[in-house]
N, C-alpha and C. Protein backbone atom coordinates (compact mmCIF):
# COMPACT_ATOMS: atom_id res chain seq x y z
N MET A 1 7.39 -30.11 -8.36
CA MET A 1 7.40 -29.72 -6.86
C MET A 1 6.69 -30.88 -6.07
N LYS A 2 6.90 -31.69 -5.25
CA LYS A 2 6.25 -32.51 -4.67
C LYS A 2 5.65 -32.11 -3.56
N LYS A 3 4.42 -32.56 -3.33
CA LYS A 3 3.29 -32.51 -2.71
C LYS A 3 3.93 -32.69 -1.00
N TRP A 4 3.26 -31.69 0.26
CA TRP A 4 4.06 -32.05 1.16
C TRP A 4 5.25 -31.95 1.72
N THR A 5 6.15 -31.24 0.49
CA THR A 5 7.32 -31.25 1.06
C THR A 5 8.13 -29.32 0.71
N ARG A 6 6.93 -28.48 0.77
CA ARG A 6 7.36 -26.78 0.65
C ARG A 6 7.58 -26.38 2.49
N TRP A 7 8.75 -26.23 3.07
CA TRP A 7 8.69 -25.77 3.62
C TRP A 7 8.17 -24.55 4.43
N GLU A 8 8.14 -23.59 3.14
CA GLU A 8 6.94 -22.23 3.48
C GLU A 8 5.53 -22.88 3.55
N ASP A 9 5.27 -23.70 3.11
CA ASP A 9 3.61 -24.15 3.71
C ASP A 9 3.81 -24.45 4.99
N TRP A 10 4.72 -25.48 5.37
CA TRP A 10 4.51 -25.92 6.88
C TRP A 10 5.06 -24.94 7.99
N VAL A 11 5.72 -23.65 7.61
CA VAL A 11 5.82 -23.09 8.10
C VAL A 11 4.59 -22.11 8.45
N ALA A 12 3.88 -21.67 7.42
CA ALA A 12 2.46 -21.07 7.46
C ALA A 12 1.79 -22.04 8.22
N VAL A 13 1.26 -23.45 8.20
CA VAL A 13 0.41 -24.36 9.09
C VAL A 13 0.95 -24.17 10.60
N GLY A 14 2.04 -23.73 10.78
CA GLY A 14 2.59 -23.79 12.44
C GLY A 14 2.53 -22.70 12.55
N VAL A 15 2.45 -21.51 11.81
CA VAL A 15 1.94 -20.26 12.78
C VAL A 15 0.68 -19.92 12.58
N GLY A 16 -0.25 -20.72 11.87
CA GLY A 16 -1.70 -20.75 11.89
C GLY A 16 -2.04 -21.46 13.24
N LEU A 17 -1.34 -22.65 13.96
CA LEU A 17 -1.35 -23.29 14.89
C LEU A 17 -0.81 -23.09 16.25
N ILE A 18 0.30 -22.09 16.16
CA ILE A 18 0.35 -21.44 17.14
C ILE A 18 -0.59 -20.25 17.43
N VAL A 19 -0.87 -19.25 16.47
CA VAL A 19 -1.82 -18.42 16.63
C VAL A 19 -3.28 -18.64 17.32
N ALA A 20 -3.70 -19.92 16.44
CA ALA A 20 -5.06 -20.31 16.83
C ALA A 20 -5.35 -20.90 18.42
N LEU A 21 -3.84 -21.71 18.60
CA LEU A 21 -4.05 -22.44 19.86
C LEU A 21 -3.44 -21.58 21.02
N SER A 22 -3.44 -20.17 20.60
CA SER A 22 -2.39 -19.63 21.71
C SER A 22 -3.89 -18.86 22.26
N THR A 23 -4.81 -18.53 21.36
CA THR A 23 -6.12 -18.13 22.26
C THR A 23 -6.54 -18.45 23.89
N PHE A 24 -6.00 -19.91 23.64
CA PHE A 24 -6.68 -20.72 24.63
C PHE A 24 -5.67 -20.49 25.85
N VAL A 25 -4.47 -19.75 25.84
CA VAL A 25 -3.29 -19.96 26.64
C VAL A 25 -2.82 -18.34 26.98
N VAL A 26 -3.10 -17.47 26.19
CA VAL A 26 -2.53 -16.26 26.68
C VAL A 26 -3.84 -15.78 26.82
N PRO A 27 -3.85 -14.91 27.87
CA PRO A 27 -5.21 -13.78 28.24
C PRO A 27 -5.31 -12.78 26.75
N GLN A 28 -6.64 -12.80 26.74
CA GLN A 28 -7.16 -11.87 25.60
C GLN A 28 -7.88 -11.00 25.84
N VAL A 29 -7.15 -10.08 24.90
CA VAL A 29 -7.86 -8.51 24.98
C VAL A 29 -8.40 -8.19 23.78
N GLY A 30 -9.29 -7.27 24.36
CA GLY A 30 -10.37 -6.58 23.22
C GLY A 30 -10.96 -7.85 22.40
N ALA A 31 -11.24 -7.59 21.10
CA ALA A 31 -11.49 -9.00 20.05
C ALA A 31 -10.40 -9.92 19.55
N SER A 32 -9.24 -10.12 20.46
CA SER A 32 -8.60 -10.98 20.13
C SER A 32 -8.64 -12.47 19.61
N MET A 33 -9.19 -12.98 20.35
CA MET A 33 -9.70 -14.15 20.69
C MET A 33 -10.42 -14.40 19.41
N PRO A 34 -11.92 -14.18 18.69
CA PRO A 34 -11.76 -14.47 17.48
C PRO A 34 -10.92 -14.18 16.08
N TRP A 35 -10.31 -13.02 16.02
CA TRP A 35 -9.47 -12.66 15.31
C TRP A 35 -8.50 -13.73 14.95
N MET A 36 -8.00 -13.97 16.15
CA MET A 36 -6.55 -14.87 16.02
C MET A 36 -7.30 -16.01 15.56
N LEU A 37 -8.44 -16.74 15.95
CA LEU A 37 -9.06 -17.85 16.30
C LEU A 37 -9.05 -18.18 14.45
N ILE A 38 -9.52 -17.34 13.96
CA ILE A 38 -10.37 -17.50 12.38
C ILE A 38 -9.23 -17.36 11.76
N LEU A 39 -8.49 -16.44 11.84
CA LEU A 39 -7.46 -16.15 11.16
C LEU A 39 -5.97 -17.34 11.42
N GLY A 40 -5.81 -17.62 12.65
CA GLY A 40 -4.77 -18.77 12.53
C GLY A 40 -5.58 -20.81 11.79
N ILE A 41 -7.22 -20.28 11.71
CA ILE A 41 -7.70 -21.35 10.79
C ILE A 41 -7.32 -21.44 9.79
N LEU A 42 -7.86 -20.11 9.29
CA LEU A 42 -7.59 -19.97 7.79
C LEU A 42 -5.90 -20.30 7.15
N LEU A 43 -5.19 -19.89 8.43
CA LEU A 43 -3.45 -19.93 7.34
C LEU A 43 -3.77 -21.64 7.61
N ILE A 44 -4.28 -22.40 8.64
CA ILE A 44 -3.94 -23.67 8.90
C ILE A 44 -4.35 -24.37 6.95
N ALA A 45 -5.81 -24.07 6.82
CA ALA A 45 -6.16 -24.28 5.89
C ALA A 45 -5.37 -24.35 4.86
N SER A 46 -5.32 -22.80 4.77
CA SER A 46 -4.29 -22.27 3.42
C SER A 46 -2.96 -23.16 2.92
N GLY A 47 -2.40 -23.54 4.35
CA GLY A 47 -1.01 -24.25 4.01
C GLY A 47 -1.43 -25.73 3.84
N LEU A 48 -2.37 -26.48 3.83
CA LEU A 48 -2.68 -27.51 3.82
C LEU A 48 -3.19 -28.10 2.33
N VAL A 49 -3.57 -26.41 2.21
CA VAL A 49 -3.87 -26.75 0.63
C VAL A 49 -3.09 -26.60 -0.28
N ASN A 50 -2.50 -25.97 -0.09
CA ASN A 50 -0.67 -25.53 -0.68
C ASN A 50 0.25 -27.01 -0.38
N LEU A 51 0.41 -27.67 0.66
CA LEU A 51 1.09 -28.15 0.61
C LEU A 51 0.55 -29.53 -0.31
N ALA A 52 -0.84 -29.64 0.11
CA ALA A 52 -1.28 -31.05 -0.97
C ALA A 52 -1.41 -30.30 -2.82
N MET A 53 -1.63 -29.28 -2.70
CA MET A 53 -1.80 -29.10 -4.19
C MET A 53 -0.49 -27.88 -4.51
N PRO A 54 0.77 -28.70 -4.65
CA PRO A 54 1.73 -27.09 -4.90
C PRO A 54 1.47 -26.49 -6.57
N GLY A 55 1.79 -25.28 -6.35
CA GLY A 55 1.75 -24.64 -7.71
C GLY A 55 0.65 -24.22 -7.91
N LEU A 56 0.05 -23.10 -6.67
CA LEU A 56 -1.75 -22.92 -7.18
C LEU A 56 -0.95 -21.32 -6.60
N VAL A 57 -0.48 -20.82 -7.70
CA VAL A 57 -0.13 -19.50 -7.22
C VAL A 57 -1.08 -18.68 -6.59
N ALA A 58 -2.51 -18.53 -6.70
CA ALA A 58 -3.94 -17.87 -5.86
C ALA A 58 -3.42 -18.42 -4.70
N MET A 59 -3.36 -19.33 -4.31
CA MET A 59 -3.69 -20.11 -2.65
C MET A 59 -2.15 -19.21 -2.06
N GLU A 60 -1.39 -18.96 -2.77
CA GLU A 60 0.08 -18.18 -2.29
C GLU A 60 -0.39 -16.95 -1.67
N TYR A 61 -1.21 -16.20 -2.85
CA TYR A 61 -1.71 -14.91 -2.66
C TYR A 61 -2.50 -14.98 -1.50
N VAL A 62 -3.64 -15.92 -1.38
CA VAL A 62 -4.08 -15.77 -0.18
C VAL A 62 -3.53 -15.96 1.44
N GLN A 63 -2.41 -17.04 1.15
CA GLN A 63 -1.26 -16.88 2.18
C GLN A 63 -0.74 -15.86 2.85
N LEU A 64 -0.52 -15.10 1.64
CA LEU A 64 -0.14 -13.93 1.91
C LEU A 64 -0.88 -12.42 2.62
N ALA A 65 -2.11 -12.31 1.94
CA ALA A 65 -3.52 -11.51 2.52
C ALA A 65 -3.41 -11.97 4.47
N LEU A 66 -3.71 -13.58 4.26
CA LEU A 66 -4.10 -13.90 6.06
C LEU A 66 -2.90 -13.18 6.26
N GLY A 67 -1.65 -13.17 5.99
CA GLY A 67 -0.24 -12.84 7.13
C GLY A 67 -0.93 -11.23 7.49
N VAL A 68 -1.17 -10.13 6.38
CA VAL A 68 -1.35 -9.00 6.03
C VAL A 68 -2.43 -8.52 7.34
N LEU A 69 -3.39 -9.36 6.95
CA LEU A 69 -4.28 -9.49 7.95
C LEU A 69 -3.80 -9.64 9.52
N LEU A 70 -3.54 -10.55 9.52
CA LEU A 70 -3.21 -10.68 11.13
C LEU A 70 -1.86 -9.75 11.46
N ILE A 71 -1.21 -9.03 10.90
CA ILE A 71 -0.51 -7.99 10.79
C ILE A 71 -1.45 -6.84 11.38
N VAL A 72 -2.65 -6.23 10.46
CA VAL A 72 -3.71 -5.43 11.11
C VAL A 72 -4.58 -5.68 12.15
N ALA A 73 -4.73 -7.41 12.41
CA ALA A 73 -5.66 -7.47 13.46
C ALA A 73 -5.88 -6.74 14.40
N PRO A 74 -4.56 -6.63 15.41
CA PRO A 74 -4.63 -6.15 16.95
C PRO A 74 -5.10 -4.62 16.58
N TRP A 75 -5.65 -3.73 15.26
CA TRP A 75 -5.85 -2.72 15.31
C TRP A 75 -7.70 -2.79 14.99
N LEU A 76 -7.45 -3.75 13.93
CA LEU A 76 -9.14 -4.14 14.22
C LEU A 76 -10.14 -4.60 14.94
N GLY A 77 -9.59 -5.50 15.87
CA GLY A 77 -9.73 -5.93 17.22
C GLY A 77 -9.81 -5.56 18.43
N ALA A 78 -8.69 -4.16 17.99
CA ALA A 78 -9.27 -3.32 19.33
C ALA A 78 -7.76 -3.96 20.67
N TYR A 79 -6.94 -4.66 20.03
CA TYR A 79 -6.38 -5.39 20.87
C TYR A 79 -4.75 -4.81 20.65
N ALA A 80 -4.39 -3.87 19.90
CA ALA A 80 -2.98 -3.48 20.13
C ALA A 80 -2.59 -2.32 20.99
N THR A 81 -3.61 -1.45 21.42
CA THR A 81 -3.14 -0.82 22.82
C THR A 81 -2.80 -1.15 23.96
N ALA A 82 -3.41 -2.46 23.73
CA ALA A 82 -2.61 -3.18 25.23
C ALA A 82 -1.16 -3.44 25.06
N MET A 83 -1.11 -3.75 24.09
CA MET A 83 0.72 -3.99 23.52
C MET A 83 1.33 -5.68 24.44
N THR A 84 0.19 -6.50 24.69
CA THR A 84 0.35 -7.65 25.38
C THR A 84 0.41 -8.96 24.09
N GLY A 85 0.59 -9.82 24.96
CA GLY A 85 0.81 -11.10 24.04
C GLY A 85 0.03 -11.07 22.62
N PRO A 86 -1.55 -11.10 22.68
CA PRO A 86 -2.02 -11.50 21.45
C PRO A 86 -1.65 -10.04 20.39
N ALA A 87 -1.51 -9.42 21.06
CA ALA A 87 -0.79 -8.23 19.59
C ALA A 87 0.40 -8.80 19.32
N TRP A 88 1.86 -8.96 20.05
CA TRP A 88 2.51 -9.55 19.63
C TRP A 88 2.52 -10.81 18.75
N LEU A 89 2.12 -11.64 19.18
CA LEU A 89 1.42 -12.68 18.46
C LEU A 89 1.26 -12.29 17.22
N SER A 90 0.34 -11.95 16.78
CA SER A 90 -0.63 -11.47 15.78
C SER A 90 0.66 -10.75 14.93
N TRP A 91 1.23 -9.90 15.28
CA TRP A 91 2.31 -9.04 14.19
C TRP A 91 3.48 -9.85 14.26
N ILE A 92 3.72 -10.50 14.88
CA ILE A 92 5.01 -11.84 14.34
C ILE A 92 4.60 -12.61 13.59
N GLY A 93 3.46 -13.31 13.66
CA GLY A 93 3.02 -14.46 12.97
C GLY A 93 2.15 -14.42 11.76
N GLY A 94 1.99 -12.45 11.58
CA GLY A 94 1.79 -12.22 10.43
C GLY A 94 2.94 -11.74 9.54
N ILE A 95 4.07 -11.27 10.18
CA ILE A 95 5.05 -11.17 9.30
C ILE A 95 5.88 -12.41 9.07
N VAL A 96 6.21 -13.17 9.91
CA VAL A 96 6.73 -14.74 9.14
C VAL A 96 6.08 -14.78 8.24
N CYS A 97 4.49 -14.98 8.05
CA CYS A 97 3.66 -15.59 7.08
C CYS A 97 3.68 -14.56 5.58
N VAL A 98 3.83 -13.51 6.04
CA VAL A 98 3.99 -12.49 4.30
C VAL A 98 5.16 -12.64 4.10
N VAL A 99 6.48 -13.21 4.48
CA VAL A 99 7.64 -13.10 4.15
C VAL A 99 7.86 -14.48 3.53
N VAL A 100 7.31 -15.75 4.11
CA VAL A 100 7.07 -17.07 3.93
C VAL A 100 6.03 -17.12 2.23
N ALA A 101 5.62 -16.69 2.90
CA ALA A 101 4.37 -16.69 1.46
C ALA A 101 4.82 -15.60 0.06
N ALA A 102 6.06 -14.53 0.41
CA ALA A 102 6.29 -13.97 -0.69
C ALA A 102 7.44 -14.92 -1.55
N MET A 103 8.10 -15.74 -0.36
CA MET A 103 9.25 -16.28 -0.92
C MET A 103 8.39 -18.11 -1.76
N ALA A 104 7.19 -18.18 -1.24
CA ALA A 104 6.94 -19.26 -1.91
C ALA A 104 5.95 -18.63 -3.36
N ILE A 105 5.95 -17.61 -3.70
CA ILE A 105 5.26 -16.92 -5.13
C ILE A 105 5.83 -17.41 -6.38
N ARG A 106 7.11 -17.33 -6.45
CA ARG A 106 7.84 -17.39 -7.37
C ARG A 106 8.01 -18.91 -7.61
N PRO A 107 8.33 -19.68 -6.94
CA PRO A 107 8.64 -21.00 -7.21
C PRO A 107 7.21 -21.66 -7.22
N ALA A 108 6.10 -21.10 -7.08
CA ALA A 108 4.41 -21.61 -6.89
C ALA A 108 4.72 -21.45 -8.24
N MET A 109 4.51 -20.19 -9.36
CA MET A 109 4.41 -19.93 -10.45
C MET A 109 5.31 -20.59 -11.60
N HIS A 110 6.31 -21.01 -11.14
CA HIS A 110 7.27 -22.32 -12.06
C HIS A 110 6.66 -23.45 -11.68
N ALA A 111 6.44 -23.83 -10.55
CA ALA A 111 5.64 -25.12 -10.67
C ALA A 111 4.26 -25.39 -11.57
N GLY A 112 3.54 -24.57 -11.79
CA GLY A 112 2.62 -24.09 -12.68
C GLY A 112 2.52 -24.46 -14.26
N HIS A 113 3.93 -23.92 -14.51
CA HIS A 113 4.22 -23.62 -15.62
C HIS A 113 5.10 -25.14 -15.94
N ASP A 114 5.15 -25.32 -14.81
CA ASP A 114 6.00 -26.91 -15.17
C ASP A 114 4.78 -27.80 -15.71
N ARG A 115 3.60 -28.09 -15.29
CA ARG A 115 2.90 -28.65 -15.39
C ARG A 115 2.07 -28.51 -16.35
N SER A 116 2.08 -27.10 -16.93
CA SER A 116 1.38 -27.34 -18.32
C SER A 116 2.18 -27.33 -19.39
N LEU A 117 3.79 -27.73 -19.33
CA LEU A 117 3.57 -28.08 -20.44
C LEU A 117 4.23 -29.81 -20.82
N PRO A 118 3.62 -30.07 -21.84
CA PRO A 118 3.72 -31.17 -22.33
C PRO A 118 5.09 -31.96 -22.17
N HIS A 119 5.12 -33.37 -21.97
CA HIS A 119 6.76 -33.92 -21.69
C HIS A 119 6.75 -35.02 -22.52
């Protein structure tokens, strides 16, 4: 698996970027700004690590966990009841991250096994 080519990780970076930058554009409710900003930055970082070092299965699980956290963040940060932009951005972004991370786990496992075999 080549570095910087996995579309799943690019999607995670994009979602992180959208979630983080939306805190400066979308009117914030409750504690949506810190939750979205921190989780967005962590998604960007995990996506870049995955892109730079494909085959790190643990990082795929980190991305999956960040996606789940993004889904539950509106309830944790008290901005789910408003049903506004921040809540929808968190839910949709989290679902996208969970799906792409789940899709990337199996290829990452195979990439890790391919590197351990002598050629």
